[in-house]
Amino acid sequence: MLWLQMNARRIWNRIEECLKDESGIGVVEIILILVVLIGLVIIFKTQLTELVQTIFNKITSESGKI
């Protein structure tokens, strides 16, 4: 979960940098990218949830062997 929070924070920082940079991507482009990403998350929500649960279950089971 910490990894996810760190990456979310890094992504948010990158978005803030893009919004502040006037010579780069415009606000409309950022909004379109966010809409596409949110749409993909909604479409693949169950698959993403299963993937994350599988990864955490594997981490939990493998950590006992260390």
Protein backbone atom coordinates (compact mmCIF):
# COMPACT_ATOMS: atom_id res chain seq x y z
CA MET A 1 0.00 0.00 0.00
CA LEU A 2 2.91 2.32 0.74
CA TRP A 3 4.25 1.76 -2.78
CA LEU A 4 0.87 2.74 -4.23
CA GLN A 5 0.75 5.91 -2.12
CA MET A 6 4.28 6.87 -3.13
CA ASN A 7 3.53 6.37 -6.82
CA ALA A 8 0.24 8.25 -6.55
CA ARG A 9 2.09 11.14 -4.93
CA ARG A 10 4.76 11.07 -7.65
CA ILE A 11 2.10 11.05 -10.37
CA TRP A 12 0.28 13.93 -8.72
CA ASN A 13 3.54 15.91 -8.49
CA ARG A 14 4.16 15.28 -12.19
CA ILE A 15 0.65 16.48 -13.07
CA GLU A 16 1.21 19.64 -11.03
CA GLU A 17 4.50 20.25 -12.87
CA CYS A 18 2.76 19.84 -16.22
CA LEU A 19 0.01 22.25 -15.25
CA LYS A 20 2.54 24.86 -14.16
CA ASP A 21 4.64 24.50 -17.32
CA GLU A 22 2.99 26.79 -19.86
CA SER A 23 5.16 25.69 -22.76
CA GLY A 24 4.24 22.03 -22.42
CA ILE A 25 0.96 20.21 -22.42
CA GLY A 26 -2.17 22.33 -22.11
CA VAL A 27 -4.90 21.99 -19.52
CA VAL A 28 -7.30 20.47 -22.04
CA GLU A 29 -4.84 17.72 -22.88
CA ILE A 30 -4.31 16.93 -19.18
CA ILE A 31 -8.05 16.73 -18.62
CA LEU A 32 -8.46 14.40 -21.61
CA ILE A 33 -5.67 12.15 -20.36
CA LEU A 34 -7.26 12.02 -16.90
CA VAL A 35 -10.66 11.19 -18.39
CA VAL A 36 -9.14 8.33 -20.41
CA LEU A 37 -7.26 7.00 -17.36
CA ILE A 38 -10.35 7.18 -15.15
CA GLY A 39 -12.37 5.43 -17.87
CA LEU A 40 -9.80 2.64 -18.09
CA VAL A 41 -9.82 2.20 -14.33
CA ILE A 42 -13.62 1.99 -14.31
CA ILE A 43 -13.66 -0.50 -17.20
CA PHE A 44 -10.97 -2.74 -15.73
CA LYS A 45 -11.81 -2.23 -12.05
CA THR A 46 -12.48 -5.90 -11.27
CA GLN A 47 -9.36 -7.08 -13.09
CA LEU A 48 -7.21 -4.47 -11.35
CA THR A 49 -8.68 -5.37 -7.96
CA GLU A 50 -8.00 -9.06 -8.52
CA LEU A 51 -4.45 -8.33 -9.69
CA VAL A 52 -3.67 -6.20 -6.64
CA GLN A 53 -5.18 -8.79 -4.29
CA THR A 54 -3.17 -11.57 -5.96
CA ILE A 55 0.03 -9.55 -5.64
CA PHE A 56 -0.57 -8.78 -1.96
CA ASN A 57 -1.51 -12.40 -1.22
CA LYS A 58 1.71 -13.57 -2.87
CA ILE A 59 3.75 -11.01 -0.93
CA THR A 60 2.11 -12.12 2.33
CA SER A 61 2.65 -15.82 1.65
CA GLU A 62 6.24 -15.34 0.47
CA SER A 63 7.19 -13.10 3.39
CA GLY A 64 6.73 -16.05 5.75
CA LYS A 65 9.56 -17.90 3.99
CA ILE A 66 12.14 -15.19 4.69
